[in-house]
Amino acid sequence: MAWSGARAFRFPEVNFGDALRCRGSIAAGVGCVSWAGSKIWRSSSSSASKSFASLSVSTEPSIKEAVKTDKAPAALGPYSQAIKANNLLFVSGVLGLVPETGKFISDGVEDQTEQVLKNMGEILKASGASYSSVVKTTIMLADLKDFKIVNEIYAKYFPSTPPARSTYQVAALPLDARVEIECIAAL
């Protein structure tokens, strides 16, 4: 992420038709353009112009870095185990495969969930992150009836301040897995 300085310029009320009428400020700087609405912008003088800083996200390819570890199963297709970008880590969907064999630890959802989370932990570790830095997970289940069992195992890995999460039942998972989990972590 990059900070950029900018200069703000006030402008009078602008009418974009009946749907949108606003008064505010517009600011421009190197690498960013930002709009500050009238409720956000407060100025004691209508002619005053203030400097401010804004946080911008870069899409520069050199900031994107693939993560790979042999301690977790290799990707099953043309994708990375994880990508570091803009101080975030995006971990691809992880299955309950044993890294050394490429086979499921078992057919049971309990064992697969445990192995998924162990594999995810290895990817997080290889990236310089940990379970505590995970901010969002998405769980995909072959059968939503497994929700309670998966929750019990999941809770062991995220004991305090668990990340935001979505859980879905899907029509099918790769290799007929019972569970797949992906996550986003802060670096």
Protein backbone atom coordinates (compact mmCIF):
# COMPACT_ATOMS: atom_id res chain seq x y z
CA MET A 1 0.00 0.00 0.00
CA ALA A 2 1.20 3.48 -0.65
CA TRP A 3 0.48 6.85 0.86
CA SER A 4 0.16 9.76 -1.48
CA GLY A 5 -0.19 13.45 -0.80
CA ALA A 6 -2.74 15.54 -2.60
CA ARG A 7 -4.28 18.98 -2.65
CA ALA A 8 -8.03 19.45 -2.18
CA PHE A 9 -10.15 21.89 -4.17
CA ARG A 10 -13.64 22.99 -3.17
CA PHE A 11 -16.36 23.35 -5.75
CA PRO A 12 -19.96 24.61 -5.51
CA GLU A 13 -23.04 22.43 -5.61
CA VAL A 14 -23.19 20.27 -8.72
CA ASN A 15 -26.45 18.88 -10.07
CA PHE A 16 -26.17 15.57 -11.93
CA GLY A 17 -29.91 15.35 -12.45
CA ASP A 18 -32.65 14.50 -9.97
CA ALA A 19 -30.86 11.39 -8.78
CA LEU A 20 -27.64 13.02 -7.58
CA ARG A 21 -26.96 16.50 -6.26
CA CYS A 22 -23.91 17.12 -4.13
CA ARG A 23 -21.47 19.65 -2.83
CA GLY A 24 -17.98 18.61 -1.86
CA SER A 25 -14.35 18.55 -2.67
CA ILE A 26 -12.26 16.76 -5.17
CA ALA A 27 -8.61 16.02 -4.65
CA ALA A 28 -5.99 14.87 -7.06
CA GLY A 29 -2.53 13.56 -6.44
CA VAL A 30 0.06 11.33 -7.99
CA GLY A 31 -1.49 7.89 -8.36
CA CYS A 32 -4.90 8.68 -6.93
CA VAL A 33 -8.04 10.72 -7.28
CA SER A 34 -10.32 11.01 -4.29
CA TRP A 35 -13.76 12.48 -3.66
CA ALA A 36 -14.68 13.89 -0.27
CA GLY A 37 -18.39 14.47 0.19
CA SER A 38 -19.86 17.46 1.96
CA LYS A 39 -20.51 15.49 5.15
CA ILE A 40 -16.86 14.44 5.35
CA TRP A 41 -15.32 17.76 4.26
CA ARG A 42 -15.56 20.52 6.83
CA SER A 43 -13.95 23.87 6.22
CA SER A 44 -14.31 27.11 8.13
CA SER A 45 -13.69 29.10 4.98
CA SER A 46 -15.23 28.34 1.59
CA SER A 47 -12.04 29.41 -0.16
CA ALA A 48 -9.76 27.32 2.04
CA SER A 49 -7.85 24.47 0.49
CA LYS A 50 -6.30 21.83 2.73
CA SER A 51 -3.72 19.16 2.09
CA PHE A 52 -4.52 15.62 3.08
CA ALA A 53 -3.18 12.09 2.68
CA SER A 54 -5.04 9.12 1.25
CA LEU A 55 -4.30 5.42 1.29
CA SER A 56 -4.21 3.92 -2.18
CA VAL A 57 -3.88 0.32 -3.27
CA SER A 58 -1.46 -0.52 -6.02
CA THR A 59 -2.00 -3.09 -8.75
CA GLU A 60 1.66 -2.97 -9.74
CA PRO A 61 2.60 -6.54 -10.80
CA SER A 62 5.93 -6.37 -8.97
CA ILE A 63 4.04 -6.11 -5.68
CA LYS A 64 2.31 -9.46 -6.33
CA GLU A 65 4.29 -12.49 -5.12
CA ALA A 66 3.39 -16.19 -5.40
CA VAL A 67 3.83 -18.37 -2.32
CA LYS A 68 4.79 -22.02 -2.63
CA THR A 69 5.62 -24.62 0.01
CA ASP A 70 6.22 -28.36 -0.22
CA LYS A 71 4.66 -28.72 3.26
CA ALA A 72 1.18 -28.29 1.74
CA PRO A 73 -0.35 -30.00 -1.30
CA ALA A 74 0.64 -28.55 -4.66
CA ALA A 75 -1.97 -26.64 -6.63
CA LEU A 76 -4.15 -28.94 -8.76
CA GLY A 77 -4.22 -26.53 -11.69
CA PRO A 78 -2.83 -23.28 -13.04
CA TYR A 79 -3.02 -21.31 -9.79
CA SER A 80 -0.82 -20.53 -6.79
CA GLN A 81 -1.13 -21.92 -3.28
CA ALA A 82 -1.24 -18.28 -2.17
CA ILE A 83 -0.51 -14.77 -3.40
CA LYS A 84 0.95 -11.91 -1.38
CA ALA A 85 -0.29 -8.51 -2.56
CA ASN A 86 -0.59 -5.13 -0.84
CA ASN A 87 0.13 -6.45 2.67
CA LEU A 88 -2.51 -9.15 2.26
CA LEU A 89 -2.22 -12.87 1.70
CA PHE A 90 -4.81 -14.64 -0.44
CA VAL A 91 -4.73 -18.40 0.18
CA SER A 92 -6.34 -20.52 -2.53
CA GLY A 93 -8.87 -23.19 -1.58
CA VAL A 94 -7.12 -25.91 0.43
CA LEU A 95 -8.12 -29.59 0.44
CA GLY A 96 -7.44 -32.31 3.01
CA LEU A 97 -4.68 -33.93 0.96
CA VAL A 98 -1.51 -35.31 2.53
CA PRO A 99 1.33 -33.30 0.92
CA GLU A 100 3.65 -36.30 0.55
CA THR A 101 1.13 -38.57 -1.18
CA GLY A 102 -1.35 -36.19 -2.82
CA LYS A 103 -4.15 -38.42 -1.45
CA PHE A 104 -6.88 -37.60 1.05
CA ILE A 105 -6.03 -38.39 4.65
CA SER A 106 -9.38 -40.27 4.77
CA ASP A 107 -12.90 -40.10 3.40
CA GLY A 108 -14.22 -38.58 6.65
CA VAL A 109 -15.04 -34.89 6.96
CA GLU A 110 -13.39 -34.72 10.40
CA ASP A 111 -9.99 -35.91 9.17
CA GLN A 112 -10.23 -33.86 5.98
CA THR A 113 -11.07 -30.69 7.92
CA GLU A 114 -8.15 -31.24 10.30
CA GLN A 115 -5.79 -31.81 7.35
CA VAL A 116 -7.15 -28.77 5.46
CA LEU A 117 -6.38 -26.55 8.44
CA LYS A 118 -2.92 -28.07 8.92
CA ASN A 119 -2.17 -27.49 5.22
CA MET A 120 -3.46 -23.93 5.48
CA GLY A 121 -1.22 -23.38 8.49
CA GLU A 122 1.83 -24.44 6.46
CA ILE A 123 0.93 -22.02 3.67
CA LEU A 124 0.39 -19.23 6.20
CA LYS A 125 3.73 -20.03 7.84
CA ALA A 126 5.56 -20.04 4.48
CA SER A 127 4.08 -16.59 3.86
CA GLY A 128 5.12 -15.13 7.19
CA ALA A 129 1.57 -15.20 8.53
CA SER A 130 -0.30 -17.32 11.09
CA TYR A 131 -3.83 -18.33 12.02
CA SER A 132 -4.10 -15.19 14.17
CA SER A 133 -3.52 -12.97 11.12
CA VAL A 134 -6.41 -14.51 9.15
CA VAL A 135 -9.19 -11.95 8.65
CA LYS A 136 -11.60 -13.89 6.39
CA THR A 137 -12.26 -17.51 5.52
CA THR A 138 -14.63 -19.20 3.13
CA ILE A 139 -15.63 -22.80 3.79
CA MET A 140 -17.13 -24.93 1.04
CA LEU A 141 -18.83 -28.15 2.12
CA ALA A 142 -20.04 -31.05 0.03
CA ASP A 143 -22.82 -31.49 2.61
CA LEU A 144 -24.04 -28.70 4.89
CA LYS A 145 -24.98 -31.35 7.45
CA ASP A 146 -21.24 -31.44 8.24
CA PHE A 147 -21.40 -27.79 9.43
CA LYS A 148 -21.36 -28.63 13.16
CA ILE A 149 -18.44 -31.08 12.90
CA VAL A 150 -16.38 -28.64 10.81
CA ASN A 151 -17.14 -25.81 13.30
CA GLU A 152 -15.81 -27.85 16.23
CA ILE A 153 -12.50 -28.52 14.47
CA TYR A 154 -12.27 -25.01 13.02
CA ALA A 155 -12.71 -23.47 16.50
CA LYS A 156 -9.49 -25.17 17.69
CA TYR A 157 -7.48 -23.24 15.08
CA PHE A 158 -9.17 -19.88 15.70
CA PRO A 159 -9.73 -19.84 19.50
CA SER A 160 -9.89 -16.06 20.02
CA THR A 161 -11.18 -13.34 17.71
CA PRO A 162 -12.10 -15.72 14.89
CA PRO A 163 -12.00 -14.28 11.38
CA ALA A 164 -15.05 -13.25 9.41
CA ARG A 165 -16.39 -16.28 7.57
CA SER A 166 -18.80 -17.56 4.94
CA THR A 167 -19.83 -21.19 4.62
CA TYR A 168 -21.54 -22.73 1.60
CA GLN A 169 -22.73 -26.11 0.46
CA VAL A 170 -21.51 -26.63 -3.09
CA ALA A 171 -22.53 -29.07 -5.79
CA ALA A 172 -19.08 -30.67 -5.88
CA LEU A 173 -15.49 -30.09 -4.80
CA PRO A 174 -12.24 -31.05 -6.57
CA LEU A 175 -11.35 -34.76 -6.25
CA ASP A 176 -14.71 -35.29 -4.47
CA ALA A 177 -13.41 -33.63 -1.31
CA ARG A 178 -15.79 -33.19 1.63
CA VAL A 179 -14.45 -29.74 2.58
CA GLU A 180 -12.36 -26.92 1.08
CA ILE A 181 -11.28 -23.74 2.87
CA GLU A 182 -9.72 -20.55 1.51
CA CYS A 183 -8.63 -17.49 3.46
CA ILE A 184 -7.32 -13.96 3.44
CA ALA A 185 -4.72 -12.88 6.01
CA ALA A 186 -3.13 -9.55 6.90
CA LEU A 187 0.65 -9.41 6.65
